[in-house]
Amino acid sequence: MKILPVLSAVAALALAGCGGGTTAATDANTLTLASVDQGSVEDVVTAFEDANPGVRVNVTTSGADQYQQQIRTQLSSGTAPDVMSVWPGNGNPGTVHVLAGAGYLRDLSDQPWAAKYPPVVSDVARYKGRTYDAIFGINGIGAIYNHDAMTRAGLTPPGTWRELLAFCRAARDKGTPAFALGIQDNWVTQIALYPLVATTVYGADRDFDRKMQAGQATFANSPWTTAVAKYVEMDRTGCFQDNPLGTSYEASQKLAATGRTLGIIQGNWVISLLKKQNPKGTFTFTPLPATDNPDQIIIPAAAGAGYGVNAKARNPELALKFVNFVMSPRGMNLFARKQGSLPALPDTGYALDASLTQLSTFIADDRTVPFMDQLWPNPKVQQTMLSGLQEIFSGQSTPDKLLASMDVDYRAGD
């Protein structure tokens, strides 16, 4: 998922952008870049251009849904940029396994940072033992609260499942829903579910993924049923604003940033986007509880989307120079500050933002699991989940049907 994130304003990927898009001039000093890191990649591009006088980066940004739909088409038609956002693992059409498996990505194993990845990153940045993704950050998913809105409501972040439901009812009674939910963009449907899955499924069984891979477990006959039921209960309790299906990801950000909701359930990357809309606001990441025992709470935290180099890049040398800049302490720290994430490599000198204290603690205490889709055998499982969750919210499907369909796609394998 930025799992999710896994993840950004909608703009055309093809020909629009800050500097002219993917069909701009391709001389030795011009790089084309497609990114889902809207709101943070701009500063990195500026710093890269400043460090390389005469170099110009033509960058386009897009939401995850649009990007995933377009990038494979661009790669197959030869119109893709030199450098592009690439997700870790195998959960969606823009991941390492999908794109490297099709021969679209340059092998980056020979780059100096590739051997320095911690296991949580290296395991999902590789395809068949080779590294294809320059992953610069580690992200988590949880509840991000607007401090000013919480103060006005006289409420504090809940620490247990029962407290969460009571919090949602109290927030609704005060006229300010607890969380913004923008599932008009279907990738967002997974975000509130993953924290519930992390605790209900993996809290009792850290080997669940291995059992799934061995055919010893299924979605439909596991605590995934409990997690989806809790998601539905949150909706019925009034945890979200009216009409989540009619609310886009961008609109949900505005609700949380301006205090029309008390917060948003999202990846920590959304903090920079909230601050962009409300520079004076204070936002804090907190685990979303799915149990009444706080000691059993686990959060989804994993490598976020990184950057891959087009195997047929028009300017391969400059493309490598850019991804190496991204993976330098300066590049990683720029991204980390803008996104509210943690650098993927150690010893960058990064000063942790106070809003991420709990995320950092959970990572250090090994109370995390990867974004669920990163370890699934094919992107179809995630796509079925996303569309199925939308259908549940619209009353067109049920949790049982959703999980049964996910099992069918999972068993289909690669």
Protein backbone atom coordinates (compact mmCIF):
# COMPACT_ATOMS: atom_id res chain seq x y z
CA MET A 1 0.00 0.00 0.00
CA LYS A 2 2.18 4.30 1.26
CA ILE A 3 0.50 -0.03 1.39
CA LEU A 4 0.19 2.70 0.69
CA PRO A 5 0.89 4.52 -0.17
CA VAL A 6 1.31 4.05 -0.53
CA LEU A 7 0.04 8.13 -2.64
CA SER A 8 -1.11 13.11 -4.06
CA ALA A 9 -2.87 15.50 -6.26
CA VAL A 10 -4.25 14.49 -9.63
CA ALA A 11 -2.40 15.84 -12.63
CA ALA A 12 -1.77 14.39 -16.06
CA LEU A 13 1.21 12.09 -16.27
CA ALA A 14 1.55 12.09 -20.00
CA LEU A 15 2.30 15.57 -21.29
CA ALA A 16 1.61 17.96 -18.43
CA GLY A 17 3.87 18.88 -15.57
CA CYS A 18 6.21 21.38 -14.06
CA GLY A 19 8.57 21.36 -17.00
CA GLY A 20 6.92 19.82 -20.02
CA GLY A 21 6.32 16.13 -19.37
CA THR A 22 7.75 12.98 -20.81
CA THR A 23 8.08 14.18 -24.39
CA ALA A 24 10.32 17.14 -23.56
CA ALA A 25 13.81 17.50 -24.94
CA THR A 26 16.09 14.59 -24.15
CA ASP A 27 19.55 16.13 -24.30
CA ALA A 28 22.21 15.08 -21.81
CA ASN A 29 21.15 17.75 -19.31
CA THR A 30 17.41 17.00 -19.28
CA LEU A 31 15.78 14.33 -17.12
CA THR A 32 12.15 13.22 -17.28
CA LEU A 33 10.55 12.09 -14.03
CA ALA A 34 7.06 10.78 -13.12
CA SER A 35 6.22 10.81 -9.42
CA VAL A 36 3.37 10.20 -6.99
CA ASP A 37 5.22 12.22 -4.32
CA GLN A 38 3.31 15.41 -4.99
CA GLY A 39 4.16 18.01 -2.39
CA SER A 40 7.58 16.58 -1.56
CA VAL A 41 9.39 15.65 -4.77
CA GLU A 42 9.45 19.30 -5.85
CA ASP A 43 11.98 20.25 -3.17
CA VAL A 44 14.15 17.27 -4.02
CA VAL A 45 14.11 18.20 -7.72
CA THR A 46 15.09 21.78 -6.90
CA ALA A 47 17.96 20.60 -4.69
CA PHE A 48 19.14 18.20 -7.40
CA GLU A 49 19.10 20.94 -10.04
CA ASP A 50 20.97 23.29 -7.68
CA ALA A 51 23.61 20.62 -7.10
CA ASN A 52 23.95 20.05 -10.85
CA PRO A 53 24.06 23.43 -12.63
CA GLY A 54 22.65 23.28 -16.14
CA VAL A 55 20.51 20.20 -15.43
CA ARG A 56 16.75 20.43 -15.84
CA VAL A 57 14.21 17.93 -14.51
CA ASN A 58 10.85 17.77 -16.25
CA VAL A 59 8.62 16.29 -13.56
CA THR A 60 4.98 15.22 -13.66
CA THR A 61 2.96 14.23 -10.60
CA SER A 62 -0.17 12.13 -10.29
CA GLY A 63 -2.40 10.32 -7.85
CA ALA A 64 -1.65 6.64 -7.28
CA ASP A 65 -4.72 5.34 -9.14
CA GLN A 66 -4.05 7.35 -12.28
CA TYR A 67 -0.34 6.66 -12.17
CA GLN A 68 -0.75 2.90 -11.87
CA GLN A 69 -3.16 2.88 -14.78
CA GLN A 70 -0.82 4.83 -17.04
CA ILE A 71 2.77 3.86 -16.26
CA ARG A 72 2.59 0.32 -17.70
CA THR A 73 1.08 1.68 -20.92
CA GLN A 74 3.81 4.30 -21.17
CA LEU A 75 6.53 1.72 -20.60
CA SER A 76 5.17 -0.68 -23.20
CA SER A 77 4.77 2.10 -25.77
CA GLY A 78 8.21 3.60 -25.20
CA THR A 79 6.88 6.93 -23.86
CA ALA A 80 7.75 6.44 -20.19
CA PRO A 81 10.05 8.84 -18.35
CA ASP A 82 13.66 8.20 -17.41
CA VAL A 83 12.82 7.82 -13.71
CA MET A 84 9.50 6.82 -12.19
CA SER A 85 7.83 6.03 -8.88
CA VAL A 86 7.98 2.32 -8.11
CA TRP A 87 6.29 0.61 -5.18
CA PRO A 88 8.02 -2.19 -3.26
CA GLY A 89 6.88 -5.79 -3.38
CA ASN A 90 4.12 -7.10 -5.61
CA GLY A 91 0.84 -5.47 -4.57
CA ASN A 92 -0.12 -3.23 -7.49
CA PRO A 93 0.62 -2.61 -11.20
CA GLY A 94 3.46 -0.21 -10.37
CA THR A 95 5.54 -2.48 -8.14
CA VAL A 96 9.05 -3.90 -8.36
CA HIS A 97 7.89 -7.43 -9.16
CA VAL A 98 5.49 -6.34 -11.88
CA LEU A 99 7.71 -3.81 -13.64
CA ALA A 100 11.06 -5.56 -13.20
CA GLY A 101 9.45 -8.88 -14.11
CA ALA A 102 8.38 -7.37 -17.41
CA GLY A 103 11.90 -6.08 -18.06
CA TYR A 104 11.00 -2.41 -17.71
CA LEU A 105 13.44 -1.46 -14.91
CA ARG A 106 17.21 -1.08 -14.83
CA ASP A 107 19.04 -3.25 -12.29
CA LEU A 108 20.31 -0.97 -9.51
CA SER A 109 22.19 -3.61 -7.54
CA ASP A 110 25.53 -2.03 -8.45
CA GLN A 111 24.69 1.29 -6.84
CA PRO A 112 26.51 2.05 -3.55
CA TRP A 113 23.38 2.26 -1.37
CA ALA A 114 21.81 -1.04 -2.52
CA ALA A 115 23.84 -3.18 -0.11
CA LYS A 116 23.03 -0.93 2.86
CA TYR A 117 19.27 -1.53 2.98
CA PRO A 118 17.87 -2.95 6.23
CA PRO A 119 15.89 -6.19 5.71
CA VAL A 120 12.51 -4.42 5.97
CA VAL A 121 13.50 -2.55 2.81
CA SER A 122 15.77 -4.94 0.90
CA ASP A 123 13.23 -7.77 0.95
CA VAL A 124 10.70 -5.72 -1.02
CA ALA A 125 13.09 -3.65 -3.17
CA ARG A 126 14.37 -6.73 -4.99
CA TYR A 127 13.14 -9.03 -7.73
CA LYS A 128 14.87 -12.40 -8.08
CA GLY A 129 17.68 -11.23 -5.84
CA ARG A 130 18.41 -8.00 -7.74
CA THR A 131 17.61 -4.48 -6.53
CA TYR A 132 15.40 -2.32 -8.75
CA ASP A 133 13.93 0.28 -6.39
CA ALA A 134 15.59 3.30 -4.77
CA ILE A 135 13.46 3.35 -1.61
CA PHE A 136 14.21 6.42 0.46
CA GLY A 137 11.69 6.20 3.29
CA ILE A 138 9.88 3.98 5.76
CA ASN A 139 6.22 4.79 6.40
CA GLY A 140 3.45 3.73 8.72
CA ILE A 141 -0.34 3.88 8.64
CA GLY A 142 -2.40 5.14 11.55
CA ALA A 143 -4.59 7.96 12.77
CA ILE A 144 -3.30 11.48 12.19
CA TYR A 145 -5.01 14.01 14.44
CA ASN A 146 -5.46 17.77 14.02
CA HIS A 147 -4.48 19.18 17.42
CA ASP A 148 -6.52 22.36 17.11
CA ALA A 149 -9.65 20.45 16.13
CA MET A 150 -9.17 17.98 18.97
CA THR A 151 -8.75 20.82 21.45
CA ARG A 152 -11.94 22.52 20.27
CA ALA A 153 -13.80 19.23 20.59
CA GLY A 154 -12.34 18.56 24.02
CA LEU A 155 -11.30 15.03 22.99
CA THR A 156 -8.10 13.01 23.15
CA PRO A 157 -6.85 10.15 20.93
CA PRO A 158 -8.39 6.79 21.85
CA GLY A 159 -6.10 3.97 22.98
CA THR A 160 -8.43 0.98 22.74
CA TRP A 161 -11.10 -0.30 20.36
CA ARG A 162 -13.93 0.57 22.75
CA GLU A 163 -12.49 4.03 23.25
CA LEU A 164 -12.25 4.44 19.48
CA LEU A 165 -15.96 3.78 18.96
CA ALA A 166 -16.84 6.07 21.88
CA PHE A 167 -14.54 8.72 20.40
CA CYS A 168 -16.34 8.46 17.05
CA ARG A 169 -19.75 8.86 18.70
CA ALA A 170 -18.60 11.83 20.78
CA ALA A 171 -17.04 13.52 17.75
CA ARG A 172 -20.20 13.04 15.69
CA ASP A 173 -22.33 14.44 18.54
CA LYS A 174 -20.13 17.55 18.58
CA GLY A 175 -20.70 18.03 14.85
CA THR A 176 -17.15 17.18 13.78
CA PRO A 177 -16.68 13.61 12.48
CA ALA A 178 -13.65 11.76 13.77
CA PHE A 179 -11.95 10.88 10.50
CA ALA A 180 -11.96 12.01 6.88
CA LEU A 181 -12.23 9.14 4.41
CA GLY A 182 -11.75 9.74 0.69
CA ILE A 183 -12.59 6.42 -0.93
CA GLN A 184 -13.72 7.93 -4.21
CA ASP A 185 -10.06 7.11 -4.99
CA ASN A 186 -10.20 3.35 -4.62
CA TRP A 187 -6.63 2.92 -3.33
CA VAL A 188 -7.67 4.79 -0.18
CA THR A 189 -10.16 2.06 0.78
CA GLN A 190 -7.32 -0.14 2.06
CA ILE A 191 -5.75 2.49 4.29
CA ALA A 192 -8.18 2.39 7.22
CA LEU A 193 -8.41 -1.40 6.94
CA TYR A 194 -4.69 -2.15 7.19
CA PRO A 195 -4.24 -0.95 10.81
CA LEU A 196 -7.22 -3.11 11.79
CA VAL A 197 -5.70 -6.11 9.99
CA ALA A 198 -2.28 -5.53 11.53
CA THR A 199 -3.58 -6.01 15.07
CA THR A 200 -6.41 -8.50 14.57
CA VAL A 201 -4.54 -10.80 12.17
CA TYR A 202 -0.84 -10.40 12.92
CA GLY A 203 -1.12 -9.62 16.63
CA ALA A 204 -1.83 -13.28 17.28
CA ASP A 205 0.07 -14.78 14.32
CA ARG A 206 3.18 -13.16 12.87
CA ASP A 207 3.51 -16.18 10.55
CA PHE A 208 0.20 -15.53 8.79
CA ASP A 209 1.84 -14.58 5.47
CA ARG A 210 3.96 -17.73 5.47
CA LYS A 211 0.85 -19.81 6.14
CA MET A 212 -0.97 -18.09 3.29
CA GLN A 213 1.91 -18.82 0.93
CA ALA A 214 1.92 -22.46 2.03
CA GLY A 215 -1.82 -22.82 1.50
CA GLN A 216 -2.42 -23.28 5.24
CA ALA A 217 -4.55 -20.16 5.71
CA THR A 218 -7.08 -18.09 3.79
CA PHE A 219 -8.58 -14.64 3.99
CA ALA A 220 -12.11 -15.97 4.42
CA ASN A 221 -11.25 -18.30 7.33
CA SER A 222 -8.99 -16.03 9.33
CA PRO A 223 -9.19 -12.89 11.50
CA TRP A 224 -9.37 -10.90 8.27
CA THR A 225 -13.13 -11.36 8.77
CA THR A 226 -12.84 -9.58 12.13
CA ALA A 227 -10.81 -6.73 10.64
CA VAL A 228 -13.29 -6.09 7.80
CA ALA A 229 -16.17 -6.28 10.30
CA LYS A 230 -14.48 -3.64 12.44
CA TYR A 231 -14.08 -1.40 9.37
CA VAL A 232 -17.81 -1.73 8.66
CA GLU A 233 -18.60 -1.07 12.34
CA MET A 234 -16.55 2.12 12.25
CA ASP A 235 -18.58 3.33 9.30
CA ARG A 236 -21.90 2.44 10.95
CA THR A 237 -20.80 4.12 14.20
CA GLY A 238 -20.21 7.37 12.34
CA CYS A 239 -16.41 7.45 12.47
CA PHE A 240 -16.26 9.01 8.98
CA GLN A 241 -17.79 12.06 7.35
CA ASP A 242 -20.92 11.70 5.25
CA ASN A 243 -20.51 10.14 1.81
CA PRO A 244 -16.95 8.76 1.85
CA LEU A 245 -17.55 7.31 -1.62
CA GLY A 246 -18.16 10.82 -2.94
CA THR A 247 -15.04 12.21 -1.29
CA SER A 248 -11.68 12.21 -3.07
CA TYR A 249 -8.30 11.76 -1.39
CA GLU A 250 -7.57 15.45 -1.91
CA ALA A 251 -10.93 16.49 -0.46
CA SER A 252 -10.36 14.28 2.59
CA GLN A 253 -7.06 16.06 3.21
CA LYS A 254 -8.85 19.40 3.22
CA LEU A 255 -11.43 18.14 5.73
CA ALA A 256 -8.71 17.06 8.16
CA ALA A 257 -6.39 20.00 7.56
CA THR A 258 -9.09 22.61 8.19
CA GLY A 259 -10.62 20.89 11.22
CA ARG A 260 -13.87 19.84 9.62
CA THR A 261 -12.91 16.39 10.86
CA LEU A 262 -10.71 15.68 13.88
CA GLY A 263 -8.23 13.77 11.78
CA ILE A 264 -7.66 11.25 9.03
CA ILE A 265 -6.57 7.61 8.87
CA GLN A 266 -3.68 7.61 6.45
CA GLY A 267 0.01 7.02 5.99
CA ASN A 268 2.34 9.46 7.70
CA TRP A 269 3.12 10.86 4.23
CA VAL A 270 -0.15 12.81 4.41
CA ILE A 271 1.21 15.03 7.19
CA SER A 272 3.16 17.17 4.74
CA LEU A 273 0.04 17.58 2.58
CA LEU A 274 -2.02 18.62 5.62
CA LYS A 275 0.62 21.16 6.60
CA LYS A 276 0.62 22.51 3.07
CA GLN A 277 -3.09 23.28 3.40
CA ASN A 278 -2.76 24.48 7.00
CA PRO A 279 0.81 25.68 7.66
CA LYS A 280 -0.04 26.71 11.24
CA GLY A 281 -1.61 23.36 12.08
CA THR A 282 -0.09 20.62 14.23
CA PHE A 283 -0.68 17.01 13.25
CA THR A 284 0.40 13.86 15.07
CA PHE A 285 0.59 10.21 14.07
CA THR A 286 -1.03 7.76 16.56
CA PRO A 287 -1.67 4.02 16.20
CA LEU A 288 -5.28 3.15 15.36
CA PRO A 289 -6.48 0.70 18.03
CA ALA A 290 -8.25 -2.51 17.02
CA THR A 291 -8.17 -4.23 20.42
CA ASP A 292 -8.95 -3.37 24.02
CA ASN A 293 -5.42 -4.33 25.09
CA PRO A 294 -3.05 -1.50 24.09
CA ASP A 295 -0.03 -3.80 24.49
CA GLN A 296 -1.31 -5.93 21.60
CA ILE A 297 -1.59 -3.10 19.07
CA ILE A 298 0.54 -3.52 15.95
CA ILE A 299 0.79 -1.02 13.12
CA PRO A 300 1.44 -1.44 9.40
CA ALA A 301 4.87 0.02 8.65
CA ALA A 302 7.04 -0.72 5.69
CA ALA A 303 9.14 0.61 2.90
CA GLY A 304 7.35 3.31 0.95
CA ALA A 305 7.35 3.94 -2.77
CA GLY A 306 10.76 4.67 -4.22
CA TYR A 307 12.17 5.40 -7.68
CA GLY A 308 13.15 3.09 -10.49
CA VAL A 309 15.13 3.79 -13.65
CA ASN A 310 13.56 3.01 -17.01
CA ALA A 311 15.52 0.18 -18.64
CA LYS A 312 15.23 2.17 -21.88
CA ALA A 313 15.80 5.61 -20.36
CA ARG A 314 16.71 8.29 -22.89
CA ASN A 315 19.20 9.71 -20.40
CA PRO A 316 20.40 6.77 -18.27
CA GLU A 317 23.44 8.49 -16.76
CA LEU A 318 21.41 11.41 -15.47
CA ALA A 319 18.71 9.00 -14.27
CA LEU A 320 21.26 7.16 -12.13
CA LYS A 321 22.59 10.45 -10.86
CA PHE A 322 19.10 11.44 -9.74
CA VAL A 323 18.30 8.18 -7.89
CA ASN A 324 21.70 8.35 -6.19
CA PHE A 325 20.89 11.87 -5.07
CA VAL A 326 17.55 10.63 -3.73
CA MET A 327 19.43 7.96 -1.77
CA SER A 328 22.01 10.38 -0.39
CA PRO A 329 21.56 11.74 3.16
CA ARG A 330 20.52 15.08 1.69
CA GLY A 331 17.92 13.57 -0.61
CA MET A 332 16.47 11.17 1.96
CA ASN A 333 16.32 13.86 4.63
CA LEU A 334 14.55 16.26 2.27
CA PHE A 335 11.92 13.64 1.53
CA ALA A 336 11.64 12.66 5.19
CA ARG A 337 11.03 16.24 6.30
CA LYS A 338 8.44 16.92 3.62
CA GLN A 339 6.61 13.60 3.95
CA GLY A 340 6.93 13.09 7.67
CA SER A 341 8.62 9.74 7.09
CA LEU A 342 11.78 8.04 8.34
CA PRO A 343 14.90 7.63 6.15
CA ALA A 344 15.34 4.13 4.74
CA LEU A 345 19.07 4.06 5.48
CA PRO A 346 20.75 4.66 8.85
CA ASP A 347 23.21 7.42 9.70
CA THR A 348 21.67 10.21 7.65
CA GLY A 349 21.73 12.65 10.57
CA TYR A 350 17.97 13.08 10.35
CA ALA A 351 16.26 14.83 13.26
CA LEU A 352 12.98 13.01 13.96
CA ASP A 353 9.84 15.13 13.75
CA ALA A 354 7.91 15.06 17.03
CA SER A 355 4.76 14.05 15.12
CA LEU A 356 6.38 10.67 14.37
CA THR A 357 7.52 9.73 17.87
CA GLN A 358 5.03 6.89 18.25
CA LEU A 359 5.72 5.56 14.75
CA SER A 360 9.44 5.49 15.46
CA THR A 361 8.85 3.74 18.79
CA PHE A 362 6.68 1.02 17.25
CA ILE A 363 9.30 0.40 14.55
CA ALA A 364 12.09 0.21 17.14
CA ASP A 365 10.04 -2.17 19.31
CA ASP A 366 9.27 -4.49 16.36
CA ARG A 367 5.54 -3.86 16.71
CA THR A 368 4.98 -3.54 12.96
CA VAL A 369 4.07 -5.68 9.98
CA PRO A 370 4.58 -4.90 6.27
CA PHE A 371 1.77 -3.37 4.27
CA MET A 372 -0.29 -6.46 3.53
CA ASP A 373 -0.28 -6.25 -0.26
CA GLN A 374 3.52 -6.14 -0.49
CA LEU A 375 3.71 -9.88 0.14
CA TRP A 376 0.79 -11.00 -2.03
CA PRO A 377 1.58 -13.07 -5.14
CA ASN A 378 -0.02 -10.76 -7.70
CA PRO A 379 -1.60 -7.28 -8.02
CA LYS A 380 -5.06 -8.74 -8.72
CA VAL A 381 -5.59 -9.54 -5.02
CA GLN A 382 -5.27 -5.88 -4.10
CA GLN A 383 -7.42 -4.66 -6.97
CA THR A 384 -10.17 -7.07 -5.95
CA MET A 385 -9.91 -5.85 -2.37
CA LEU A 386 -10.09 -2.18 -3.34
CA SER A 387 -13.10 -2.51 -5.62
CA GLY A 388 -14.77 -4.91 -3.19
CA LEU A 389 -14.44 -2.49 -0.29
CA GLN A 390 -16.05 0.24 -2.38
CA GLU A 391 -18.89 -2.15 -3.13
CA ILE A 392 -19.32 -2.88 0.58
CA PHE A 393 -19.59 0.84 1.31
CA SER A 394 -22.16 1.21 -1.47
CA GLY A 395 -24.17 -1.79 -0.25
CA GLN A 396 -23.44 -3.86 -3.36
CA SER A 397 -21.36 -6.56 -1.68
CA THR A 398 -20.54 -8.13 1.68
CA PRO A 399 -17.34 -8.89 3.60
CA ASP A 400 -17.79 -12.62 3.01
CA LYS A 401 -17.97 -12.16 -0.77
CA LEU A 402 -14.97 -9.85 -0.71
CA LEU A 403 -12.70 -12.22 1.19
CA ALA A 404 -13.78 -15.22 -0.88
CA SER A 405 -12.90 -13.33 -4.07
CA MET A 406 -9.52 -12.33 -2.64
CA ASP A 407 -8.82 -16.00 -1.89
CA VAL A 408 -9.55 -16.96 -5.49
CA ASP A 409 -7.12 -14.34 -6.79
CA TYR A 410 -4.48 -15.24 -4.21
CA ARG A 411 -4.59 -18.92 -5.18
CA ALA A 412 -4.07 -17.93 -8.83
CA GLY A 413 -0.43 -17.22 -7.90
CA ASP A 414 1.97 -15.10 -9.92
